[in-house]
Amino acid sequence: MDVELRASDDDRQRVVADLQRHASAGRLTLDEFSERAAGAWAARTFGDLAAVTRDLPADPVLSASPAHGLRDLLVVFAVAVATLILLGLLMAATR
């Protein structure tokens, strides 16, 4: 891609969304994210946008997928339900 081509608002927004994913993954601090996002919004060319993300991996994949988080939540819920049932049985047995 020609680094001298002008970037569009959609291009800038995609870069800021990538920066948000990198910040969520712990690769950027809040200050670094703010600074880079400001640079992305001020970028005029694709070269300017590339400079904002040059030291970051190309594909900002989060370490845990949403399905993995849902599975963990279901496990916690199942443990809580089992605990309540056992406590209920214990209380009924001691009466």
Protein backbone atom coordinates (compact mmCIF):
# COMPACT_ATOMS: atom_id res chain seq x y z
CA MET A 1 0.00 0.00 0.00
CA ASP A 2 1.28 3.46 -0.86
CA VAL A 3 2.12 5.25 2.39
CA GLU A 4 1.47 8.61 0.73
CA LEU A 5 -2.21 7.86 0.00
CA ARG A 6 -4.68 9.88 2.03
CA ALA A 7 -6.49 8.02 4.81
CA SER A 8 -10.25 8.21 5.28
CA ASP A 9 -12.24 8.57 8.50
CA ASP A 10 -13.09 4.86 8.24
CA ASP A 11 -9.36 4.03 8.04
CA ARG A 12 -8.71 6.12 11.14
CA GLN A 13 -11.59 4.51 13.00
CA ARG A 14 -10.31 1.01 12.16
CA VAL A 15 -6.89 1.90 13.57
CA VAL A 16 -8.44 3.31 16.77
CA ALA A 17 -10.53 0.12 17.13
CA ASP A 18 -7.32 -1.94 16.77
CA LEU A 19 -5.67 0.24 19.40
CA GLN A 20 -8.61 -0.41 21.74
CA ARG A 21 -8.17 -4.16 21.29
CA HIS A 22 -4.44 -3.85 21.98
CA ALA A 23 -5.17 -1.82 25.14
CA SER A 24 -7.72 -4.45 26.24
CA ALA A 25 -5.09 -7.15 25.72
CA GLY A 26 -2.66 -5.23 27.94
CA ARG A 27 -0.24 -4.17 25.22
CA LEU A 28 -0.93 -0.45 25.75
CA THR A 29 -1.48 1.61 28.87
CA LEU A 30 -4.36 4.06 28.96
CA ASP A 31 -1.94 6.93 28.38
CA GLU A 32 -0.33 5.16 25.42
CA PHE A 33 -3.75 4.39 23.97
CA SER A 34 -4.86 8.02 24.33
CA GLU A 35 -1.69 9.31 22.72
CA ARG A 36 -1.85 6.85 19.82
CA ALA A 37 -5.58 7.37 19.27
CA ALA A 38 -4.98 11.12 19.02
CA GLY A 39 -2.24 10.39 16.49
CA ALA A 40 -4.57 8.16 14.50
CA TRP A 41 -7.29 10.81 14.38
CA ALA A 42 -4.72 13.41 13.27
CA ALA A 43 -3.22 11.10 10.60
CA ARG A 44 -3.48 12.28 7.00
CA THR A 45 -1.88 9.36 5.17
CA PHE A 46 -1.62 5.59 5.48
CA GLY A 47 2.01 6.11 6.45
CA ASP A 48 0.89 8.25 9.40
CA LEU A 49 -1.54 5.51 10.48
CA ALA A 50 1.12 2.82 10.12
CA ALA A 51 3.45 4.79 12.39
CA VAL A 52 0.85 4.66 15.19
CA THR A 53 0.74 0.84 15.17
CA ARG A 54 4.22 -0.03 13.89
CA ASP A 55 5.36 -1.78 17.10
CA LEU A 56 2.13 -3.75 17.64
CA PRO A 57 1.20 -7.21 16.28
CA ALA A 58 -0.86 -7.09 13.09
CA ASP A 59 -3.77 -9.06 14.54
CA PRO A 60 -4.78 -7.85 18.01
CA VAL A 61 -6.48 -11.02 19.21
CA LEU A 62 -7.58 -11.05 22.82
CA SER A 63 -6.24 -13.87 24.97
CA ALA A 64 -9.69 -15.19 25.90
CA SER A 65 -12.54 -15.56 23.46
CA PRO A 66 -16.09 -14.55 24.47
CA ALA A 67 -17.14 -18.22 24.40
CA HIS A 68 -14.38 -19.05 26.89
CA GLY A 69 -15.66 -16.32 29.25
CA LEU A 70 -19.21 -17.63 28.98
CA ARG A 71 -18.06 -21.16 29.78
CA ASP A 72 -16.23 -19.91 32.88
CA LEU A 73 -19.35 -18.05 33.99
CA LEU A 74 -21.46 -21.19 33.58
CA VAL A 75 -18.99 -23.22 35.64
CA VAL A 76 -19.11 -20.64 38.44
CA PHE A 77 -22.92 -20.65 38.29
CA ALA A 78 -23.03 -24.48 38.45
CA VAL A 79 -20.71 -24.50 41.47
CA ALA A 80 -22.87 -21.89 43.20
CA VAL A 81 -26.05 -23.91 42.55
CA ALA A 82 -24.41 -27.11 43.81
CA THR A 83 -23.25 -25.29 46.95
CA LEU A 84 -26.76 -23.99 47.64
CA ILE A 85 -28.25 -27.45 47.18
CA LEU A 86 -25.71 -29.01 49.55
CA LEU A 87 -26.32 -26.28 52.14
CA GLY A 88 -30.08 -26.84 51.83
CA LEU A 89 -29.65 -30.59 52.35
CA LEU A 90 -27.35 -30.01 55.31
CA MET A 91 -29.83 -27.62 56.93
CA ALA A 92 -32.71 -30.07 56.35
CA ALA A 93 -30.69 -32.94 57.85
CA THR A 94 -29.80 -31.03 61.02
CA ARG A 95 -33.36 -30.02 61.88
